Amino acid sequence: MIISYLKRKKTCTLKELMEEFNVSSATIHRDVTLLASRDAIERVRGGLVYNDAPDANGSPAAFQERVVANRRLKMTAAGKALALIEEGDIIFLDSSTTIYELALLLTHAEFDHLTVITNAVAVMNLFRKFPPHWSMIGLGGNYDPQLNSILGDSALEQLSRLNITKAFVSGFGLDDSTATTNHERQAEILRKVLDAADRRYLIIDHTKIGRKGLYRIAARGGFDAIISD
C-alpha cells in the first residue's frame, strides 16, 4: 500500500503516511526501513521518494516492487525448498522473486560444494555473498528489464549443454492442471530447464494458486513437488 501510494504521489513525508494509513510512527518507521532496504523506495531529507530507477545492483523498480509483495509468504516457501538442496547439487534458480528468496537463504548455507545455474540478474549479483568455493553459471543472452533476467536463444542453447540435478522455478499461477507464466520467452527457458533437470520443484505462494497465466510452463504432475507457504 505504501508503494502504491508513493508511486502515485512520487514523494511524501512519514507523517503523511501515518495519517493516510492511520498507523503509528513505529509502524511506519518499521515498514519504511524494510522497503528502503529492498530499494523499493528512497529515503530523503524530510520524507520518501518512489524509486523508479534501477537500484545499485541494476535491478529495475518493477522487480523491486515484486520482491516486497507477499514477501513473508515467499520466504516461508523458500525455507521449505532450502531443505531439499543437498551437498554437491547442481541447482537451477529462475528469475522470479520467489526463487530470489531461496537465493538469499543460500547466502547463509554451509555446503562445501554447490553449483548454481541461473538466468536471474539479481541472483548473479548475490553470488559474491555465497561461499567462495561454490560455482555459478550465469546464462548469457538478451536482457529483459521487466523480469530482470536473461532470456532468448543463446540462453536456451547454453542450457542444452548443462546438467541440472534440481530445478527450482516459480510462475504466475497454478491451477488444477498447469503451472503458467505471462512471459513467452521465460516459459521457453523454464520448459528447457525442466526437461534437463533430474528433479523439478515449483515454489509458489498460495495467492497464485487457482490463477492461470498465458503461457504453459509444465503440467502440475510434471513436478516432483509443489512447495508453498
Protein backbone atom coordinates (compact mmCIF):
# COMPACT_ATOMS: atom_id res chain seq x y z
CA MET A 1 0.00 0.00 0.00
CA ILE A 2 2.90 2.34 0.76
CA ILE A 3 4.49 1.59 -2.60
CA SER A 4 1.22 2.18 -4.45
CA TYR A 5 0.72 5.48 -2.61
CA LEU A 6 4.27 6.64 -3.36
CA LYS A 7 4.05 5.55 -6.96
CA ARG A 8 1.05 7.82 -7.34
CA LYS A 9 2.35 10.75 -5.27
CA LYS A 10 6.08 10.36 -6.14
CA THR A 11 7.11 11.87 -2.77
CA CYS A 12 5.66 12.24 0.74
CA THR A 13 6.53 12.63 4.42
CA LEU A 14 6.37 9.97 7.14
CA LYS A 15 3.65 11.98 8.89
CA GLU A 16 1.62 11.94 5.69
CA LEU A 17 1.85 8.14 5.57
CA MET A 18 0.83 7.85 9.23
CA GLU A 19 -2.28 9.88 8.53
CA GLU A 20 -3.07 8.16 5.24
CA PHE A 21 -2.98 4.65 6.73
CA ASN A 22 -3.95 5.54 10.31
CA VAL A 23 -0.96 3.76 11.87
CA SER A 24 1.64 4.64 14.48
CA SER A 25 5.01 6.22 13.96
CA ALA A 26 6.70 2.95 14.97
CA THR A 27 4.77 1.02 12.32
CA ILE A 28 5.62 3.48 9.55
CA HIS A 29 9.30 3.59 10.51
CA ARG A 30 9.49 -0.22 10.52
CA ASP A 31 7.79 -0.62 7.14
CA VAL A 32 9.72 2.21 5.53
CA THR A 33 13.00 0.74 6.76
CA LEU A 34 12.08 -2.61 5.18
CA LEU A 35 11.08 -1.05 1.85
CA ALA A 36 14.22 1.07 1.75
CA SER A 37 16.38 -1.99 2.41
CA ARG A 38 14.78 -3.65 -0.64
CA ASP A 39 15.40 -0.50 -2.76
CA ALA A 40 11.70 -0.12 -3.48
CA ILE A 41 11.74 3.43 -2.07
CA GLU A 42 14.39 6.02 -1.33
CA ARG A 43 14.64 7.92 1.96
CA VAL A 44 15.48 11.59 1.55
CA ARG A 45 15.60 14.51 3.95
CA GLY A 46 12.07 15.28 5.01
CA GLY A 47 10.44 12.15 3.64
CA LEU A 48 10.40 9.48 0.94
CA VAL A 49 10.69 9.26 -2.82
CA TYR A 50 9.41 6.47 -5.04
CA ASN A 51 12.38 4.67 -6.59
CA ASP A 52 11.57 4.40 -10.29
CA ALA A 53 15.19 3.97 -11.32
CA PRO A 54 17.35 0.82 -11.19
CA ASP A 55 18.91 0.12 -7.80
CA ALA A 56 22.63 -0.14 -7.10
CA ASN A 57 22.62 -3.72 -8.35
CA GLY A 58 20.92 -2.78 -11.61
CA SER A 59 17.53 -4.21 -10.60
CA PRO A 60 14.59 -2.31 -12.11
CA ALA A 61 11.96 -0.79 -9.86
CA ALA A 62 9.28 -3.15 -11.19
CA PHE A 63 11.33 -6.10 -9.97
CA GLN A 64 11.80 -4.43 -6.58
CA GLU A 65 8.06 -3.97 -6.23
CA ARG A 66 7.55 -7.69 -6.81
CA VAL A 67 10.27 -8.50 -4.27
CA VAL A 68 8.34 -6.88 -1.42
CA ALA A 69 4.91 -8.17 -2.49
CA ASN A 70 3.83 -11.10 -0.28
CA ARG A 71 7.43 -11.44 0.85
CA ARG A 72 6.65 -13.30 4.06
CA LEU A 73 4.77 -15.98 2.12
CA LYS A 74 7.65 -16.33 -0.35
CA MET A 75 10.17 -16.60 2.49
CA THR A 76 8.17 -19.41 4.09
CA ALA A 77 8.01 -21.39 0.84
CA ALA A 78 11.69 -20.74 0.13
CA GLY A 79 12.64 -22.07 3.57
CA LYS A 80 10.93 -25.36 2.77
CA ALA A 81 12.72 -25.54 -0.59
CA LEU A 82 16.11 -24.98 1.03
CA ALA A 83 15.73 -28.27 2.91
CA LEU A 84 15.66 -30.13 -0.45
CA ILE A 85 19.12 -28.94 -1.54
CA GLU A 86 21.96 -31.37 -0.86
CA GLU A 87 25.74 -31.36 -0.91
CA GLY A 88 27.10 -31.41 -4.46
CA ASP A 89 23.84 -30.46 -6.17
CA ILE A 90 23.74 -28.57 -9.46
CA ILE A 91 20.71 -26.35 -8.99
CA PHE A 92 18.87 -24.00 -11.33
CA LEU A 93 17.29 -20.85 -9.88
CA ASP A 94 14.91 -18.90 -12.10
CA SER A 95 14.40 -15.13 -12.15
CA SER A 96 11.22 -14.95 -10.07
CA THR A 97 11.15 -13.02 -6.81
CA THR A 98 10.07 -16.20 -5.01
CA ILE A 99 13.24 -18.00 -6.09
CA TYR A 100 15.22 -14.88 -5.18
CA GLU A 101 14.19 -15.53 -1.56
CA LEU A 102 15.70 -19.01 -1.86
CA ALA A 103 18.90 -17.46 -3.20
CA LEU A 104 19.01 -15.12 -0.20
CA LEU A 105 18.78 -18.11 2.13
CA LEU A 106 21.62 -19.80 0.27
CA THR A 107 23.96 -16.93 1.15
CA HIS A 108 23.97 -18.37 4.70
CA ALA A 109 24.17 -22.05 3.71
CA GLU A 110 27.22 -24.16 4.54
CA PHE A 111 27.55 -26.61 1.67
CA ASP A 112 31.11 -27.46 0.70
CA HIS A 113 30.21 -27.94 -2.95
CA LEU A 114 27.25 -26.44 -4.78
CA THR A 115 26.79 -25.24 -8.35
CA VAL A 116 24.19 -22.58 -9.13
CA ILE A 117 22.89 -22.08 -12.68
CA THR A 118 20.65 -19.06 -13.20
CA ASN A 119 19.23 -16.59 -15.70
CA ALA A 120 18.39 -14.16 -12.88
CA VAL A 121 20.49 -10.99 -12.76
CA ALA A 122 19.54 -10.49 -9.09
CA VAL A 123 20.88 -13.95 -8.22
CA MET A 124 24.07 -13.29 -10.18
CA ASN A 125 24.56 -10.12 -8.14
CA LEU A 126 24.11 -12.15 -4.95
CA PHE A 127 26.81 -14.64 -5.86
CA ARG A 128 29.55 -12.55 -4.25
CA LYS A 129 27.83 -13.32 -0.93
CA PHE A 130 27.88 -17.09 -1.50
CA PRO A 131 30.78 -19.21 -0.16
CA PRO A 132 33.81 -18.63 -2.42
CA HIS A 133 34.25 -22.33 -3.20
CA TRP A 134 30.83 -22.61 -4.86
CA SER A 135 30.43 -22.39 -8.63
CA MET A 136 27.96 -20.28 -10.59
CA ILE A 137 26.99 -20.30 -14.25
CA GLY A 138 25.09 -17.23 -15.37
CA LEU A 139 23.28 -17.79 -18.65
CA GLY A 140 24.06 -15.39 -21.47
CA GLY A 141 21.52 -13.88 -23.83
CA ASN A 142 19.12 -10.96 -24.11
CA TYR A 143 18.39 -8.89 -21.01
CA ASP A 144 14.72 -8.39 -20.10
CA PRO A 145 14.37 -5.38 -17.76
CA GLN A 146 10.83 -6.26 -16.66
CA LEU A 147 11.88 -9.69 -15.40
CA ASN A 148 15.47 -8.60 -14.61
CA SER A 149 16.59 -11.77 -16.34
CA ILE A 150 18.45 -13.23 -19.30
CA LEU A 151 16.29 -14.82 -22.00
CA GLY A 152 16.48 -15.83 -25.64
CA ASP A 153 18.09 -18.35 -27.97
CA SER A 154 21.60 -18.00 -26.56
CA ALA A 155 20.40 -18.92 -23.07
CA LEU A 156 18.40 -21.86 -24.46
CA GLU A 157 21.42 -23.15 -26.37
CA GLN A 158 23.61 -22.92 -23.28
CA LEU A 159 21.05 -24.87 -21.24
CA SER A 160 21.15 -27.70 -23.77
CA ARG A 161 24.78 -28.36 -22.75
CA LEU A 162 24.28 -28.35 -18.97
CA ASN A 163 23.30 -30.95 -16.39
CA ILE A 164 20.93 -29.94 -13.60
CA THR A 165 20.18 -32.12 -10.58
CA LYS A 166 17.41 -29.92 -9.17
CA ALA A 167 15.44 -27.10 -10.76
CA PHE A 168 13.62 -24.55 -8.62
CA VAL A 169 11.12 -22.43 -10.56
CA SER A 170 8.04 -20.34 -9.92
CA GLY A 171 5.28 -18.86 -12.05
CA PHE A 172 2.32 -16.53 -12.32
CA GLY A 173 -0.20 -19.17 -11.40
CA LEU A 174 -1.07 -22.80 -10.77
CA ASP A 175 -4.49 -24.26 -11.48
CA ASP A 176 -5.73 -27.84 -11.28
CA SER A 177 -3.72 -28.89 -14.32
CA THR A 178 -0.92 -26.49 -15.23
CA ALA A 179 1.72 -24.05 -13.96
CA THR A 180 1.80 -20.91 -16.11
CA THR A 181 3.52 -17.59 -16.71
CA ASN A 182 2.64 -14.47 -18.70
CA HIS A 183 6.04 -14.23 -20.41
CA GLU A 184 6.62 -16.30 -23.55
CA ARG A 185 10.43 -16.27 -23.53
CA GLN A 186 10.53 -17.06 -19.82
CA ALA A 187 8.23 -20.02 -20.43
CA GLU A 188 10.67 -21.29 -23.08
CA ILE A 189 13.57 -21.11 -20.63
CA LEU A 190 11.66 -22.85 -17.85
CA ARG A 191 10.47 -25.69 -20.09
CA LYS A 192 14.06 -26.27 -21.23
CA VAL A 193 15.28 -26.26 -17.62
CA LEU A 194 12.63 -28.75 -16.50
CA ASP A 195 13.47 -31.07 -19.39
CA ALA A 196 17.14 -31.06 -18.34
CA ALA A 197 16.63 -31.45 -14.57
CA ASP A 198 16.69 -34.71 -12.65
CA ARG A 199 14.21 -33.32 -10.14
CA ARG A 200 11.76 -30.45 -10.61
CA TYR A 201 10.30 -28.20 -7.92
CA LEU A 202 7.65 -25.50 -8.27
CA ILE A 203 7.75 -22.91 -5.47
CA ILE A 204 4.62 -20.79 -5.38
CA ASP A 205 2.82 -18.89 -2.63
CA HIS A 206 -0.85 -19.57 -2.00
CA THR A 207 -2.05 -16.29 -3.57
CA LYS A 208 -1.09 -17.68 -7.00
CA ILE A 209 -2.94 -20.97 -6.64
CA GLY A 210 -6.02 -21.04 -8.85
CA ARG A 211 -4.64 -18.40 -11.25
CA LYS A 212 -3.91 -19.08 -14.92
CA GLY A 213 -1.31 -17.23 -16.99
CA LEU A 214 -0.99 -17.07 -20.75
CA TYR A 215 1.90 -19.48 -21.34
CA ARG A 216 2.27 -23.04 -20.13
CA ILE A 217 5.35 -23.96 -18.07
CA ALA A 218 4.52 -27.57 -17.20
CA ALA A 219 1.72 -29.87 -16.17
CA ARG A 220 1.06 -29.92 -12.45
CA GLY A 221 2.03 -33.61 -12.37
CA GLY A 222 5.35 -32.84 -14.04
CA PHE A 223 6.87 -31.58 -10.80
CA ASP A 224 8.44 -33.82 -8.15
CA ALA A 225 6.97 -31.47 -5.56
CA ILE A 226 4.97 -28.27 -5.33
CA ILE A 227 6.15 -26.14 -2.41
CA SER A 228 4.04 -23.35 -0.91
CA ASP A 229 3.64 -21.38 2.29
